PDB file of N, CA and C in Angstrom:
ATOM      1  N   MET A   1      24.121 161.524 134.979  1.00  0.00           N
ATOM      2  CA  MET A   1      25.482 161.299 135.519  1.00  0.00           C
ATOM      3  C   MET A   1      26.617 162.181 134.761  1.00  0.00           C
ATOM      4  N   LEU A   2      26.451 162.024 133.684  1.00  0.00           N
ATOM      5  CA  LEU A   2      27.358 162.875 132.429  1.00  0.00           C
ATOM      6  C   LEU A   2      27.187 164.349 133.047  1.00  0.00           C
ATOM      7  N   LEU A   3      25.893 164.988 133.226  1.00  0.00           N
ATOM      8  CA  LEU A   3      26.065 166.290 133.759  1.00  0.00           C
ATOM      9  C   LEU A   3      26.341 166.587 135.158  1.00  0.00           C
ATOM     10  N   THR A   4      26.377 165.582 136.246  1.00  0.00           N
ATOM     11  CA  THR A   4      27.056 165.672 137.295  1.00  0.00           C
ATOM     12  C   THR A   4      28.430 165.730 137.343  1.00  0.00           C
ATOM     13  N   GLY A   5      28.942 165.089 136.435  1.00  0.00           N
ATOM     14  CA  GLY A   5      30.405 165.064 136.317  1.00  0.00           C
ATOM     15  C   GLY A   5      30.845 163.545 136.989  1.00  0.00           C
ATOM     16  N   LYS A   6      29.819 162.368 137.496  1.00  0.00           N
ATOM     17  CA  LYS A   6      30.461 161.355 138.172  1.00  0.00           C
ATOM     18  C   LYS A   6      30.955 160.472 136.921  1.00  0.00           C
ATOM     19  N   VAL A   7      30.741 160.444 136.009  1.00  0.00           N
ATOM     20  CA  VAL A   7      31.311 159.793 134.743  1.00  0.00           C
ATOM     21  C   VAL A   7      31.761 160.769 133.650  1.00  0.00           C
ATOM     22  N   SER A   8      32.964 160.136 133.197  1.00  0.00           N
ATOM     23  CA  SER A   8      33.265 161.130 131.825  1.00  0.00           C
ATOM     24  C   SER A   8      32.722 160.977 130.554  1.00  0.00           C
ATOM     25  N   LEU A   9      32.903 161.700 129.691  1.00  0.00           N
ATOM     26  CA  LEU A   9      32.312 161.401 128.287  1.00  0.00           C
ATOM     27  C   LEU A   9      32.605 160.149 127.969  1.00  0.00           C
ATOM     28  N   ALA A  10      33.727 159.541 127.846  1.00  0.00           N
ATOM     29  CA  ALA A  10      34.011 158.473 126.909  1.00  0.00           C
ATOM     30  C   ALA A  10      33.075 157.448 127.840  1.00  0.00           C
ATOM     31  N   GLN A  11      33.106 157.345 129.345  1.00  0.00           N
ATOM     32  CA  GLN A  11      32.168 156.414 129.775  1.00  0.00           C
ATOM     33  C   GLN A  11      30.855 156.374 129.323  1.00  0.00           C
ATOM     34  N   PHE A  12      30.419 157.397 129.130  1.00  0.00           N
ATOM     35  CA  PHE A  12      28.727 157.600 129.022  1.00  0.00           C
ATOM     36  C   PHE A  12      28.780 157.269 127.321  1.00  0.00           C
ATOM     37  N   ALA A  13      29.937 157.919 126.601  1.00  0.00           N
ATOM     38  CA  ALA A  13      29.652 157.080 125.139  1.00  0.00           C
ATOM     39  C   ALA A  13      29.744 155.681 124.846  1.00  0.00           C
ATOM     40  N   LEU A  14      30.665 154.938 125.806  1.00  0.00           N
ATOM     41  CA  LEU A  14      31.096 153.562 125.858  1.00  0.00           C
ATOM     42  C   LEU A  14      29.057 153.075 126.373  1.00  0.00           C
ATOM     43  N   ALA A  15      28.791 153.461 127.598  1.00  0.00           N
ATOM     44  CA  ALA A  15      27.542 152.839 127.851  1.00  0.00           C
ATOM     45  C   ALA A  15      26.574 152.897 127.108  1.00  0.00           C
ATOM     46  N   PHE A  16      26.428 154.200 126.415  1.00  0.00           N
ATOM     47  CA  PHE A  16      25.462 154.475 125.523  1.00  0.00           C
ATOM     48  C   PHE A  16      25.610 153.293 124.008  1.00  0.00           C
ATOM     49  N   VAL A  17      26.705 152.944 123.571  1.00  0.00           N
ATOM     50  CA  VAL A  17      27.010 152.186 122.480  1.00  0.00           C
ATOM     51  C   VAL A  17      26.429 150.693 123.044  1.00  0.00           C
ATOM     52  N   VAL A  18      27.444 150.121 124.045  1.00  0.00           N
ATOM     53  CA  VAL A  18      26.763 148.928 124.565  1.00  0.00           C
ATOM     54  C   VAL A  18      25.399 148.828 124.835  1.00  0.00           C
ATOM     55  N   ASP A  19      24.532 149.660 125.515  1.00  0.00           N
ATOM     56  CA  ASP A  19      23.281 149.558 125.646  1.00  0.00           C
ATOM     57  C   ASP A  19      22.300 149.507 124.413  1.00  0.00           C
ATOM     58  N   THR A  20      23.205 150.487 123.290  1.00  0.00           N
ATOM     59  CA  THR A  20      22.268 150.287 122.161  1.00  0.00           C
ATOM     60  C   THR A  20      22.510 148.991 121.450  1.00  0.00           C
ATOM     61  N   CYS A  21      23.543 148.326 121.678  1.00  0.00           N
ATOM     62  CA  CYS A  21      23.979 146.908 121.062  1.00  0.00           C
ATOM     63  C   CYS A  21      23.164 146.228 121.495  1.00  0.00           C
ATOM     64  N   VAL A  22      23.021 145.961 122.805  1.00  0.00           N
ATOM     65  CA  VAL A  22      22.451 145.110 123.962  1.00  0.00           C
ATOM     66  C   VAL A  22      20.644 145.058 123.328  1.00  0.00           C
ATOM     67  N   ALA A  23      20.149 146.259 122.858  1.00  0.00           N
ATOM     68  CA  ALA A  23      18.776 146.430 122.792  1.00  0.00           C
ATOM     69  C   ALA A  23      18.529 146.001 121.065  1.00  0.00           C
ATOM     70  N   GLY A  24      19.692 146.101 120.371  1.00  0.00           N
ATOM     71  CA  GLY A  24      19.746 145.625 119.071  1.00  0.00           C
ATOM     72  C   GLY A  24      19.684 144.362 118.648  1.00  0.00           C
ATOM     73  N   ALA A  25      20.318 143.710 119.817  1.00  0.00           N
ATOM     74  CA  ALA A  25      20.664 142.100 119.569  1.00  0.00           C
ATOM     75  C   ALA A  25      19.368 141.502 120.128  1.00  0.00           C
ATOM     76  N   LEU A  26      18.771 142.001 121.083  1.00  0.00           N
ATOM     77  CA  LEU A  26      17.571 141.684 121.615  1.00  0.00           C
ATOM     78  C   LEU A  26      16.243 141.476 120.522  1.00  0.00           C
ATOM     79  N   LEU A  27      16.032 142.936 120.073  1.00  0.00           N
ATOM     80  CA  LEU A  27      15.273 143.040 118.966  1.00  0.00           C
ATOM     81  C   LEU A  27      15.250 141.851 117.987  1.00  0.00           C
ATOM     82  N   CYS A  28      16.829 141.900 117.282  1.00  0.00           N
ATOM     83  CA  CYS A  28      16.933 140.951 116.342  1.00  0.00           C
ATOM     84  C   CYS A  28      16.877 139.511 116.653  1.00  0.00           C
ATOM     85  N   GLY A  29      17.122 138.864 117.704  1.00  0.00           N
ATOM     86  CA  GLY A  29      16.751 137.716 118.465  1.00  0.00           C
ATOM     87  C   GLY A  29      15.407 137.579 118.260  1.00  0.00           C
ATOM     88  N   ALA A  30      14.744 138.490 118.812  1.00  0.00           N
ATOM     89  CA  ALA A  30      13.136 138.415 118.993  1.00  0.00           C
ATOM     90  C   ALA A  30      12.732 138.251 117.484  1.00  0.00           C
ATOM     91  N   GLY A  31      12.754 138.820 116.480  1.00  0.00           N
ATOM     92  CA  GLY A  31      12.736 139.061 114.953  1.00  0.00           C
ATOM     93  C   GLY A  31      13.098 137.323 114.560  1.00  0.00           C
ATOM     94  N   LEU A  32      14.389 137.102 114.870  1.00  0.00           N
ATOM     95  CA  LEU A  32      14.319 135.736 114.225  1.00  0.00           C
ATOM     96  C   LEU A  32      13.673 134.422 114.778  1.00  0.00           C
ATOM     97  N   LEU A  33      13.483 134.442 116.126  1.00  0.00           N
ATOM     98  CA  LEU A  33      12.474 133.630 116.645  1.00  0.00           C
ATOM     99  C   LEU A  33      11.193 133.897 116.340  1.00  0.00           C
ATOM    100  N   PHE A  34      10.422 134.757 115.990  1.00  0.00           N
ATOM    101  CA  PHE A  34       9.017 135.075 115.496  1.00  0.00           C
ATOM    102  C   PHE A  34       9.009 134.738 114.271  1.00  0.00           C
ATOM    103  N   HIS A  35      10.138 134.819 113.369  1.00  0.00           N
ATOM    104  CA  HIS A  35      10.154 134.574 111.938  1.00  0.00           C
ATOM    105  C   HIS A  35      10.451 132.546 111.673  1.00  0.00           C
ATOM    106  N   GLY A  36      11.525 132.334 112.804  1.00  0.00           N
ATOM    107  CA  GLY A  36      11.358 131.064 112.688  1.00  0.00           C
ATOM    108  C   GLY A  36      10.122 130.308 113.255  1.00  0.00           C
ATOM    109  N   MET A  37       9.575 130.675 114.090  1.00  0.00           N
ATOM    110  CA  MET A  37       7.842 130.292 114.484  1.00  0.00           C
ATOM    111  C   MET A  37       7.066 130.201 113.235  1.00  0.00           C
ATOM    112  N   LEU A  38       7.195 131.200 112.120  1.00  0.00           N
ATOM    113  CA  LEU A  38       6.322 131.303 111.342  1.00  0.00           C
ATOM    114  C   LEU A  38       6.440 130.441 109.971  1.00  0.00           C
ATOM    115  N   LEU A  39       7.971 130.276 110.008  1.00  0.00           N
ATOM    116  CA  LEU A  39       8.352 129.227 108.819  1.00  0.00           C
ATOM    117  C   LEU A  39       8.149 127.751 109.273  1.00  0.00           C
ATOM    118  N   LEU A  40       8.050 127.633 110.659  1.00  0.00           N
ATOM    119  CA  LEU A  40       7.962 126.069 111.103  1.00  0.00           C
ATOM    120  C   LEU A  40       6.432 125.935 110.766  1.00  0.00           C
ATOM    121  N   ARG A  41       5.364 127.030 111.156  1.00  0.00           N
ATOM    122  CA  ARG A  41       3.869 126.650 110.955  1.00  0.00           C
ATOM    123  C   ARG A  41       3.655 127.024 109.296  1.00  0.00           C
ATOM    124  N   GLY A  42       4.412 127.381 108.424  1.00  0.00           N
ATOM    125  CA  GLY A  42       3.851 127.874 107.415  1.00  0.00           C
ATOM    126  C   GLY A  42       3.186 128.889 107.001  1.00  0.00           C
ATOM    127  N   GLN A  43       3.325 129.813 107.656  1.00  0.00           N
ATOM    128  CA  GLN A  43       2.551 130.933 107.523  1.00  0.00           C
ATOM    129  C   GLN A  43       3.368 132.231 107.257  1.00  0.00           C
ATOM    130  N   THR A  44       2.696 133.347 106.463  1.00  0.00           N
ATOM    131  CA  THR A  44       3.350 134.913 106.650  1.00  0.00           C
ATOM    132  C   THR A  44       2.784 135.482 107.583  1.00  0.00           C
ATOM    133  N   THR A  45       3.494 136.373 107.840  1.00  0.00           N
ATOM    134  CA  THR A  45       3.207 137.494 109.027  1.00  0.00           C
ATOM    135  C   THR A  45       1.557 138.053 108.593  1.00  0.00           C
ATOM    136  N   TRP A  46       1.392 138.305 107.580  1.00  0.00           N
ATOM    137  CA  TRP A  46      -0.288 138.464 107.516  1.00  0.00           C
ATOM    138  C   TRP A  46      -1.179 137.282 107.744  1.00  0.00           C
ATOM    139  N   GLU A  47      -0.893 136.025 107.459  1.00  0.00           N
ATOM    140  CA  GLU A  47      -1.908 135.133 107.988  1.00  0.00           C
ATOM    141  C   GLU A  47      -1.568 134.938 109.139  1.00  0.00           C
ATOM    142  N   TRP A  48      -0.685 135.087 110.178  1.00  0.00           N
ATOM    143  CA  TRP A  48      -0.253 134.553 111.491  1.00  0.00           C
ATOM    144  C   TRP A  48      -1.474 135.902 112.214  1.00  0.00           C
ATOM    145  N   ALA A  49      -1.447 137.217 111.689  1.00  0.00           N
ATOM    146  CA  ALA A  49      -2.238 138.455 112.111  1.00  0.00           C
ATOM    147  C   ALA A  49      -3.633 138.011 112.189  1.00  0.00           C
ATOM    148  N   ARG A  50      -4.095 137.183 111.233  1.00  0.00           N
ATOM    149  CA  ARG A  50      -5.629 136.954 110.988  1.00  0.00           C
ATOM    150  C   ARG A  50      -5.840 135.833 111.356  1.00  0.00           C
ATOM    151  N   GLY A  51      -4.845 134.872 111.695  1.00  0.00           N
ATOM    152  CA  GLY A  51      -5.010 133.688 112.262  1.00  0.00           C
ATOM    153  C   GLY A  51      -5.564 132.488 111.276  1.00  0.00           C
ATOM    154  N   HIS A  52      -4.863 132.425 110.124  1.00  0.00           N
ATOM    155  CA  HIS A  52      -4.890 131.584 109.144  1.00  0.00           C
ATOM    156  C   HIS A  52      -4.079 130.656 109.014  1.00  0.00           C
ATOM    157  N   HIS A  53      -4.399 129.384 108.710  1.00  0.00           N
ATOM    158  CA  HIS A  53      -3.841 128.300 108.896  1.00  0.00           C
ATOM    159  C   HIS A  53      -4.078 127.319 107.577  1.00  0.00           C
ATOM    160  N   CYS A  54      -3.815 128.059 106.530  1.00  0.00           N
ATOM    161  CA  CYS A  54      -4.285 127.379 105.470  1.00  0.00           C
ATOM    162  C   CYS A  54      -3.203 126.323 104.918  1.00  0.00           C
ATOM    163  N   TYR A  55      -1.746 126.706 105.002  1.00  0.00           N
ATOM    164  CA  TYR A  55      -0.591 126.120 104.184  1.00  0.00           C
ATOM    165  C   TYR A  55       0.070 125.540 105.112  1.00  0.00           C
ATOM    166  N   ASP A  56      -0.238 125.319 106.371  1.00  0.00           N
ATOM    167  CA  ASP A  56       0.543 124.422 107.501  1.00  0.00           C
ATOM    168  C   ASP A  56       0.471 122.947 107.041  1.00  0.00           C
ATOM    169  N   LEU A  57       1.311 122.738 106.871  1.00  0.00           N
ATOM    170  CA  LEU A  57       1.854 121.083 106.154  1.00  0.00           C
ATOM    171  C   LEU A  57       2.277 120.262 107.074  1.00  0.00           C
ATOM    172  N   GLY A  58       2.758 120.679 108.220  1.00  0.00           N
ATOM    173  CA  GLY A  58       3.760 120.154 109.213  1.00  0.00           C
ATOM    174  C   GLY A  58       5.275 120.827 109.355  1.00  0.00           C
ATOM    175  N   THR A  59       6.021 120.658 110.442  1.00  0.00           N
ATOM    176  CA  THR A  59       7.090 120.761 110.087  1.00  0.00           C
ATOM    177  C   THR A  59       8.390 120.810 109.100  1.00  0.00           C
ATOM    178  N   CYS A  60       8.230 119.485 109.018  1.00  0.00           N
ATOM    179  CA  CYS A  60       9.438 118.821 108.073  1.00  0.00           C
ATOM    180  C   CYS A  60       8.772 119.598 106.254  1.00  0.00           C
ATOM    181  N   HIS A  61       7.710 119.370 106.391  1.00  0.00           N
ATOM    182  CA  HIS A  61       6.893 119.813 104.879  1.00  0.00           C
ATOM    183  C   HIS A  61       7.065 121.181 104.623  1.00  0.00           C
ATOM    184  N   ASN A  62       6.996 122.074 105.932  1.00  0.00           N
ATOM    185  CA  ASN A  62       6.924 123.532 105.805  1.00  0.00           C
ATOM    186  C   ASN A  62       8.601 123.728 105.306  1.00  0.00           C
ATOM    187  N   LEU A  63       9.344 123.193 106.311  1.00  0.00           N
ATOM    188  CA  LEU A  63      10.835 123.468 105.866  1.00  0.00           C
ATOM    189  C   LEU A  63      11.084 123.161 104.560  1.00  0.00           C
ATOM    190  N   GLN A  64      10.501 121.925 103.887  1.00  0.00           N
ATOM    191  CA  GLN A  64      10.928 121.573 102.162  1.00  0.00           C
ATOM    192  C   GLN A  64      10.235 122.709 101.820  1.00  0.00           C
ATOM    193  N   ALA A  65       9.107 123.121 101.770  1.00  0.00           N
ATOM    194  CA  ALA A  65       8.663 124.124 100.872  1.00  0.00           C
ATOM    195  C   ALA A  65       9.180 125.385 101.024  1.00  0.00           C
ATOM    196  N   ALA A  66      10.004 125.914 101.939  1.00  0.00           N
ATOM    197  CA  ALA A  66      10.445 127.232 101.908  1.00  0.00           C
ATOM    198  C   ALA A  66      12.009 127.315 101.748  1.00  0.00           C
ATOM    199  N   LEU A  67      12.756 125.884 101.907  1.00  0.00           N
ATOM    200  CA  LEU A  67      14.173 125.701 101.422  1.00  0.00           C
ATOM    201  C   LEU A  67      14.452 124.395 100.483  1.00  0.00           C
ATOM    202  N   GLY A  68      13.693 123.819 100.460  1.00  0.00           N
ATOM    203  CA  GLY A  68      13.871 122.842  99.085  1.00  0.00           C
ATOM    204  C   GLY A  68      14.364 121.641  99.776  1.00  0.00           C
ATOM    205  N   PRO A  69      14.256 120.777  98.934  1.00  0.00           N
ATOM    206  CA  PRO A  69      14.466 119.225  99.505  1.00  0.00           C
ATOM    207  C   PRO A  69      15.931 118.852 100.430  1.00  0.00           C
ATOM    208  N   ARG A  70      16.338 119.521 100.022  1.00  0.00           N
ATOM    209  CA  ARG A  70      17.602 119.629 101.045  1.00  0.00           C
ATOM    210  C   ARG A  70      18.052 120.829 101.903  1.00  0.00           C
ATOM    211  N   TRP A  71      16.753 121.025 102.684  1.00  0.00           N
ATOM    212  CA  TRP A  71      16.770 121.847 103.949  1.00  0.00           C
ATOM    213  C   TRP A  71      17.590 122.075 104.988  1.00  0.00           C
ATOM    214  N   ALA A  72      17.879 120.390 105.069  1.00  0.00           N
ATOM    215  CA  ALA A  72      19.083 120.414 106.594  1.00  0.00           C
ATOM    216  C   ALA A  72      20.192 120.926 106.285  1.00  0.00           C
ATOM    217  N   LEU A  73      20.559 120.612 104.951  1.00  0.00           N
ATOM    218  CA  LEU A  73      22.284 120.845 104.651  1.00  0.00           C
ATOM    219  C   LEU A  73      22.249 122.923 104.150  1.00  0.00           C
ATOM    220  N   VAL A  74      20.929 123.079 103.711  1.00  0.00           N
ATOM    221  CA  VAL A  74      21.051 124.368 103.756  1.00  0.00           C
ATOM    222  C   VAL A  74      21.196 125.214 104.578  1.00  0.00           C
ATOM    223  N   TRP A  75      20.978 124.780 105.710  1.00  0.00           N
ATOM    224  CA  TRP A  75      21.361 125.665 107.241  1.00  0.00           C
ATOM    225  C   TRP A  75      22.309 125.559 107.355  1.00  0.00           C
ATOM    226  N   PHE A  76      23.494 124.668 107.127  1.00  0.00           N
ATOM    227  CA  PHE A  76      25.032 124.582 106.932  1.00  0.00           C
ATOM    228  C   PHE A  76      25.735 125.442 106.123  1.00  0.00           C
ATOM    229  N   TRP A  77      25.052 125.522 104.819  1.00  0.00           N
ATOM    230  CA  TRP A  77      25.621 126.033 103.718  1.00  0.00           C
ATOM    231  C   TRP A  77      24.635 126.535 102.864  1.00  0.00           C
ATOM    232  N   PRO A  78      24.265 127.661 103.098  1.00  0.00           N
ATOM    233  CA  PRO A  78      23.296 128.479 102.578  1.00  0.00           C
ATOM    234  C   PRO A  78      23.293 128.740 100.422  1.00  0.00           C
ATOM    235  N   PHE A  79      24.631 128.300 100.256  1.00  0.00           N
ATOM    236  CA  PHE A  79      24.904 128.395  98.719  1.00  0.00           C
ATOM    237  C   PHE A  79      24.858 127.248  98.277  1.00  0.00           C
ATOM    238  N   LEU A  80      24.262 126.062  98.796  1.00  0.00           N
ATOM    239  CA  LEU A  80      24.242 124.795  98.091  1.00  0.00           C
ATOM    240  C   LEU A  80      22.704 124.775  97.251  1.00  0.00           C
ATOM    241  N   ALA A  81      22.846 124.257  96.293  1.00  0.00           N
ATOM    242  CA  ALA A  81      21.330 124.356  95.400  1.00  0.00           C
ATOM    243  C   ALA A  81      20.405 123.255  95.866  1.00  0.00           C
ATOM    244  N   SER A  82      19.097 123.870  96.257  1.00  0.00           N
ATOM    245  CA  SER A  82      18.084 122.963  96.553  1.00  0.00           C
ATOM    246  C   SER A  82      16.736 123.749  96.003  1.00  0.00           C
ATOM    247  N   PRO A  83      16.774 123.306  94.951  1.00  0.00           N
ATOM    248  CA  PRO A  83      15.539 123.970  94.215  1.00  0.00           C
ATOM    249  C   PRO A  83      13.992 123.613  94.785  1.00  0.00           C
ATOM    250  N   LEU A  84      13.325 124.714  94.969  1.00  0.00           N
ATOM    251  CA  LEU A  84      12.068 124.751  95.834  1.00  0.00           C
ATOM    252  C   LEU A  84      10.695 124.026  95.027  1.00  0.00           C
ATOM    253  N   PRO A  85      10.022 123.436  95.776  1.00  0.00           N
ATOM    254  CA  PRO A  85       8.877 122.436  95.223  1.00  0.00           C
ATOM    255  C   PRO A  85       8.042 122.921  94.228  1.00  0.00           C
ATOM    256  N   GLY A  86       7.605 124.074  94.235  1.00  0.00           N
ATOM    257  CA  GLY A  86       6.560 125.108  93.649  1.00  0.00           C
ATOM    258  C   GLY A  86       7.077 125.699  92.545  1.00  0.00           C
ATOM    259  N   ASP A  87       5.885 126.722  92.204  1.00  0.00           N
ATOM    260  CA  ASP A  87       6.489 127.660  91.064  1.00  0.00           C
ATOM    261  C   ASP A  87       6.540 128.902  91.595  1.00  0.00           C
ATOM    262  N   GLY A  88       6.237 129.035  93.103  1.00  0.00           N
ATOM    263  CA  GLY A  88       6.457 130.549  93.756  1.00  0.00           C
ATOM    264  C   GLY A  88       5.065 131.265  93.393  1.00  0.00           C
ATOM    265  N   ILE A  89       4.173 130.499  92.822  1.00  0.00           N
ATOM    266  CA  ILE A  89       2.876 131.482  92.884  1.00  0.00           C
ATOM    267  C   ILE A  89       1.703 130.653  93.408  1.00  0.00           C
ATOM    268  N   THR A  90       1.573 129.314  93.151  1.00  0.00           N
ATOM    269  CA  THR A  90       0.683 128.543  93.769  1.00  0.00           C
ATOM    270  C   THR A  90       1.679 127.329  95.091  1.00  0.00           C
ATOM    271  N   PHE A  91       0.871 126.999  96.003  1.00  0.00           N
ATOM    272  CA  PHE A  91       1.458 126.404  97.317  1.00  0.00           C
ATOM    273  C   PHE A  91       0.425 125.260  97.548  1.00  0.00           C
ATOM    274  N   GLN A  92       1.246 124.232  98.247  1.00  0.00           N
ATOM    275  CA  GLN A  92       0.455 123.180  98.513  1.00  0.00           C
ATOM    276  C   GLN A  92      -0.577 123.345  99.759  1.00  0.00           C
ATOM    277  N   THR A  93      -1.303 122.840  99.891  1.00  0.00           N
ATOM    278  CA  THR A  93      -2.122 122.787 101.340  1.00  0.00           C
ATOM    279  C   THR A  93      -2.460 121.638 101.826  1.00  0.00           C
ATOM    280  N   PRO A  94      -2.544 121.516 103.382  1.00  0.00           N
ATOM    281  CA  PRO A  94      -2.755 120.060 103.655  1.00  0.00           C
ATOM    282  C   PRO A  94      -3.747 118.784 102.861  1.00  0.00           C
ATOM    283  N   GLY A  95      -4.683 119.723 102.320  1.00  0.00           N
ATOM    284  CA  GLY A  95      -5.554 118.704 101.194  1.00  0.00           C
ATOM    285  C   GLY A  95      -4.750 117.763 100.100  1.00  0.00           C
ATOM    286  N   ASP A  96      -3.869 118.792  99.912  1.00  0.00           N
ATOM    287  CA  ASP A  96      -2.906 118.680  98.227  1.00  0.00           C
ATOM    288  C   ASP A  96      -1.930 117.527  98.511  1.00  0.00           C
ATOM    289  N   VAL A  97      -1.711 117.496  99.906  1.00  0.00           N
ATOM    290  CA  VAL A  97      -0.506 116.340 100.609  1.00  0.00           C
ATOM    291  C   VAL A  97      -1.129 115.085 100.903  1.00  0.00           C
ATOM    292  N   GLY A  98      -2.367 115.353 101.258  1.00  0.00           N
ATOM    293  CA  GLY A  98      -3.038 114.266 101.986  1.00  0.00           C
ATOM    294  C   GLY A  98      -3.153 114.340 103.502  1.00  0.00           C
ATOM    295  N   LEU A  99      -2.811 115.265 103.993  1.00  0.00           N
ATOM    296  CA  LEU A  99      -2.861 115.423 105.538  1.00  0.00           C
ATOM    297  C   LEU A  99      -4.311 116.033 106.076  1.00  0.00           C
ATOM    298  N   VAL A 100      -4.624 115.492 107.486  1.00  0.00           N
ATOM    299  CA  VAL A 100      -6.001 115.820 107.529  1.00  0.00           C
ATOM    300  C   VAL A 100      -5.884 117.132 108.132  1.00  0.00           C
ATOM    301  N   THR A 101      -6.935 118.043 107.857  1.00  0.00           N
ATOM    302  CA  THR A 101      -7.075 119.283 108.526  1.00  0.00           C
ATOM    303  C   THR A 101      -7.749 119.239 109.690  1.00  0.00           C
ATOM    304  N   SER A 102      -7.607 120.178 110.666  1.00  0.00           N
ATOM    305  CA  SER A 102      -8.470 120.176 111.738  1.00  0.00           C
ATOM    306  C   SER A 102      -9.360 121.376 111.571  1.00  0.00           C
TER     307      SER A 102
END
């Protein structure tokens, strides 16, 4: 359209920027949803790709393991102190917290 003269350079530039922003927003949204799903399942991307479910403690416990005991408040105020339950090297499994594994 730009080469045939049906749109001006300013219109073409605006359309390009808007299209790029929309594509970027869709990709960011997809990434946010994917990693939110991983958070709720207690998985990393590596574990998801290989089908491992070793650390799935249930939705509430997974949120507590990632965001601390005050996880609900951390969503609204990320600067709130909410210490994590573990040491960052070892993590609880369903057997550790008395959950039935399937």
